[in-house]
């Protein structure tokens, strides 16, 4: 009896998880499923959109990715990026990760009326540097 090829010993979907996880890590901001699928097709030409959804679900369950909802749209980004916010370009529709916090609002801040801040999320809207340069 001959040994099975090494490729058949890999758990199913490992390559898809590797590629999608790497694309999320390298992205300039959170991605929607169609964009993530489009980028992944460069390495996985037979990848179906259903596999992208299944892989994202698995990556979320593993804590490697999480969903961000901006303007009612579900986007996905790699986990573990620490405290950050987003910038949504109104010209090209891309969303970028901002690594600085534009709001000095620590957890535990008490607002008038007794509202206790536990966390905050900020999305800035405008034009990204590339679109601003192209509009000059």
Protein backbone atom coordinates (compact mmCIF):
# COMPACT_ATOMS: atom_id res chain seq x y z
CA UNK A 1 0.00 0.00 0.00
CA UNK A 2 1.49 3.35 -1.02
CA UNK A 3 1.43 6.46 1.12
CA UNK A 4 -1.09 9.20 0.26
CA UNK A 5 0.36 12.32 -1.36
CA UNK A 6 1.24 15.04 1.15
CA UNK A 7 -1.32 17.41 -0.37
CA UNK A 8 -4.15 15.01 0.48
CA UNK A 9 -3.05 14.93 4.13
CA UNK A 10 -3.67 18.64 4.58
CA UNK A 11 -6.98 19.50 6.23
CA UNK A 12 -9.51 20.64 3.65
CA UNK A 13 -9.60 24.40 3.19
CA UNK A 14 -6.19 25.13 4.69
CA UNK A 15 -5.01 26.95 1.57
CA UNK A 16 -8.19 29.05 1.45
CA UNK A 17 -7.81 30.01 5.13
CA UNK A 18 -4.17 30.86 4.58
CA UNK A 19 -4.84 33.10 1.58
CA UNK A 20 -7.91 34.85 3.01
CA UNK A 21 -6.21 35.36 6.38
CA UNK A 22 -3.13 36.82 4.69
CA UNK A 23 -5.25 39.13 2.53
CA UNK A 24 -7.07 40.43 5.62
CA UNK A 25 -3.74 41.03 7.38
CA UNK A 26 -2.32 42.92 4.40
CA UNK A 27 -5.44 45.00 3.66
CA UNK A 28 -5.35 48.76 4.20
CA UNK A 29 -8.72 48.48 5.96
CA UNK A 30 -11.68 46.17 6.33
CA UNK A 31 -12.93 44.46 3.16
CA UNK A 32 -16.36 43.38 1.98
CA UNK A 33 -16.83 39.83 0.71
CA UNK A 34 -16.86 40.72 -3.02
CA UNK A 35 -13.55 42.59 -2.71
CA UNK A 36 -11.96 39.84 -0.62
CA UNK A 37 -13.16 37.27 -3.16
CA UNK A 38 -11.77 39.34 -6.05
CA UNK A 39 -8.36 39.61 -4.36
CA UNK A 40 -8.26 35.91 -3.47
CA UNK A 41 -9.02 34.83 -7.06
CA UNK A 42 -5.50 35.91 -8.00
CA UNK A 43 -4.14 32.97 -5.99
CA UNK A 44 -7.16 30.69 -5.93
CA UNK A 45 -8.81 30.98 -9.37
CA UNK A 46 -11.48 28.37 -8.58
CA UNK A 47 -12.48 29.90 -5.24
CA UNK A 48 -16.23 30.34 -4.85
CA UNK A 49 -17.84 33.15 -2.91
CA UNK A 50 -19.56 30.60 -0.61
CA UNK A 51 -16.12 29.37 0.43
CA UNK A 52 -15.12 32.94 1.30
CA UNK A 53 -18.16 33.22 3.59
CA UNK A 54 -17.44 29.84 5.22
CA UNK A 55 -13.78 30.75 5.69
CA UNK A 56 -14.65 34.11 7.23
CA UNK A 57 -17.05 32.38 9.62
CA UNK A 58 -14.30 29.96 10.65
CA UNK A 59 -11.71 32.74 11.04
CA UNK A 60 -14.18 34.64 13.25
CA UNK A 61 -14.81 31.54 15.38
CA UNK A 62 -11.03 31.13 15.76
CA UNK A 63 -10.67 34.80 16.73
CA UNK A 64 -8.46 35.56 13.73
CA UNK A 65 -10.93 37.94 12.05
CA UNK A 66 -13.95 40.00 13.00
CA UNK A 67 -16.80 41.79 11.30
CA UNK A 68 -17.12 45.57 11.20
CA UNK A 69 -20.43 47.12 10.17
CA UNK A 70 -20.09 50.50 8.45
CA UNK A 71 -23.09 52.23 6.92
CA UNK A 72 -25.06 48.98 7.16
CA UNK A 73 -22.45 46.99 5.23
CA UNK A 74 -20.58 44.06 6.75
CA UNK A 75 -16.83 44.27 6.28
CA UNK A 76 -14.12 41.99 7.63
CA UNK A 77 -10.68 42.66 9.06
CA UNK A 78 -7.96 40.74 10.85
CA UNK A 79 -8.21 40.65 14.63
CA UNK A 80 -5.45 41.78 16.96
CA UNK A 81 -4.87 45.24 15.54
CA UNK A 82 -5.50 46.96 18.85
CA UNK A 83 -7.51 50.12 19.31
CA UNK A 84 -8.17 51.72 15.93
CA UNK A 85 -10.81 53.49 13.88
CA UNK A 86 -11.77 53.78 10.22
CA UNK A 87 -11.83 56.34 7.42
CA UNK A 88 -14.37 55.88 4.62
CA UNK A 89 -13.53 57.56 1.31
CA UNK A 90 -16.65 58.97 -0.33
CA UNK A 91 -14.94 59.04 -3.76
CA UNK A 92 -13.56 55.49 -4.15
CA UNK A 93 -15.67 53.80 -1.43
CA UNK A 94 -12.62 52.19 0.18
CA UNK A 95 -12.34 51.97 3.96
CA UNK A 96 -8.98 52.53 5.64
CA UNK A 97 -7.75 51.66 9.11
CA UNK A 98 -6.63 54.64 11.20
CA UNK A 99 -3.99 53.69 13.72
CA UNK A 100 -4.46 56.83 15.78
CA UNK A 101 -7.49 57.69 17.86
CA UNK A 102 -9.09 61.04 17.03
CA UNK A 103 -11.09 60.98 20.29
CA UNK A 104 -9.70 61.22 23.81
CA UNK A 105 -12.50 59.27 25.46
CA UNK A 106 -11.28 56.69 27.95
CA UNK A 107 -13.48 53.89 29.25
CA UNK A 108 -15.16 54.90 32.49
CA UNK A 109 -15.89 58.47 31.37
CA UNK A 110 -19.24 59.55 32.79
CA UNK A 111 -21.33 61.81 30.58
CA UNK A 112 -24.01 64.13 31.93
CA UNK A 113 -27.10 62.12 32.73
CA UNK A 114 -25.05 59.21 34.08
CA UNK A 115 -23.98 57.59 30.79
CA UNK A 116 -20.86 55.49 31.47
CA UNK A 117 -18.58 55.02 28.46
CA UNK A 118 -17.31 51.47 28.00
CA UNK A 119 -15.85 51.83 24.50
CA UNK A 120 -16.14 53.88 21.34
CA UNK A 121 -15.99 53.43 17.58
CA UNK A 122 -15.28 56.26 15.19
CA UNK A 123 -15.60 56.35 11.42
CA UNK A 124 -14.40 59.47 9.64
CA UNK A 125 -15.76 60.28 6.17
CA UNK A 126 -14.10 62.28 3.43
CA UNK A 127 -11.62 61.78 0.60
CA UNK A 128 -8.55 59.54 0.85
CA UNK A 129 -5.11 60.90 -0.15
CA UNK A 130 -5.13 59.15 -3.53
CA UNK A 131 -8.57 60.52 -4.49
CA UNK A 132 -7.68 63.98 -3.18
CA UNK A 133 -4.53 63.98 -5.32
CA UNK A 134 -6.48 62.85 -8.39
CA UNK A 135 -9.05 65.63 -7.97
CA UNK A 136 -6.45 68.42 -8.10
